[in-house]
Amino acid sequence: MENIQTTVRLYYKGENAKREITHTCNLPEQETHSRFIGKIVNIDGVAMKCWKVETIDIKRG
């Protein structure tokens, strides 16, 4: 199986807050997007929902 590393920028919205995070995941692009989009996480004590996932880079090897 091919090793794929996908780097994405995650966009989160919460009550009165927005946050962008860059993250690298050892999954193909579509699986990486599915893993984060629509999920709610706690960032600095604020519940935030991922509303957008943007692919920055894909490395195969």
Protein backbone atom coordinates (compact mmCIF):
# COMPACT_ATOMS: atom_id res chain seq x y z
CA MET A 1 0.00 0.00 0.00
CA GLU A 2 1.25 3.44 -0.94
CA ASN A 3 2.09 5.90 1.83
CA ILE A 4 0.11 9.12 1.29
CA GLN A 5 0.49 12.24 3.42
CA THR A 6 -2.14 14.95 2.96
CA THR A 7 -1.67 18.45 4.38
CA VAL A 8 -4.86 20.45 4.84
CA ARG A 9 -5.98 23.78 6.25
CA LEU A 10 -8.97 23.35 8.56
CA TYR A 11 -11.45 26.19 9.03
CA TYR A 12 -13.41 26.23 12.30
CA LYS A 13 -16.28 28.45 13.47
CA GLY A 14 -17.60 28.78 16.99
CA GLU A 15 -19.63 31.23 18.98
CA ASN A 16 -17.86 34.57 18.41
CA ALA A 17 -14.69 32.85 17.19
CA LYS A 18 -13.01 31.57 14.03
CA ARG A 19 -9.81 29.57 13.73
CA GLU A 20 -7.63 28.17 10.94
CA ILE A 21 -5.33 25.22 11.62
CA THR A 22 -2.88 23.45 9.31
CA HIS A 23 -2.75 19.69 9.83
CA THR A 24 -0.96 16.76 8.18
CA CYS A 25 -2.69 13.38 8.06
CA ASN A 26 -1.46 9.98 6.78
CA LEU A 27 -4.60 9.42 4.72
CA PRO A 28 -5.66 10.01 1.11
CA GLU A 29 -7.21 13.40 0.35
CA GLN A 30 -10.88 12.36 0.39
CA GLU A 31 -10.55 10.43 3.66
CA THR A 32 -8.78 13.39 5.25
CA HIS A 33 -11.59 15.74 4.22
CA SER A 34 -14.24 13.30 5.54
CA ARG A 35 -12.41 12.95 8.85
CA PHE A 36 -12.70 16.67 9.67
CA ILE A 37 -15.60 18.31 7.80
CA GLY A 38 -18.64 18.87 10.00
CA LYS A 39 -16.92 17.65 13.17
CA ILE A 40 -17.09 19.64 16.42
CA VAL A 41 -13.95 20.02 18.53
CA ASN A 42 -13.00 21.97 21.65
CA ILE A 43 -10.35 24.61 20.89
CA ASP A 44 -9.20 26.75 23.81
CA GLY A 45 -12.41 25.97 25.71
CA VAL A 46 -14.71 26.88 22.81
CA ALA A 47 -16.76 24.32 20.85
CA MET A 48 -16.00 24.88 17.17
CA LYS A 49 -17.27 23.17 14.03
CA CYS A 50 -15.08 22.48 10.99
CA TRP A 51 -16.93 24.07 8.07
CA LYS A 52 -14.22 23.92 5.38
CA VAL A 53 -11.21 21.73 4.54
CA GLU A 54 -8.69 22.97 1.98
CA THR A 55 -5.96 20.69 0.58
CA ILE A 56 -2.53 22.32 0.66
CA ASP A 57 -0.26 19.43 -0.39
CA ILE A 58 -0.29 15.69 -1.10
CA LYS A 59 2.91 13.65 -0.82
CA ARG A 60 3.14 10.09 -2.12
CA GLY A 61 5.97 7.78 -1.31
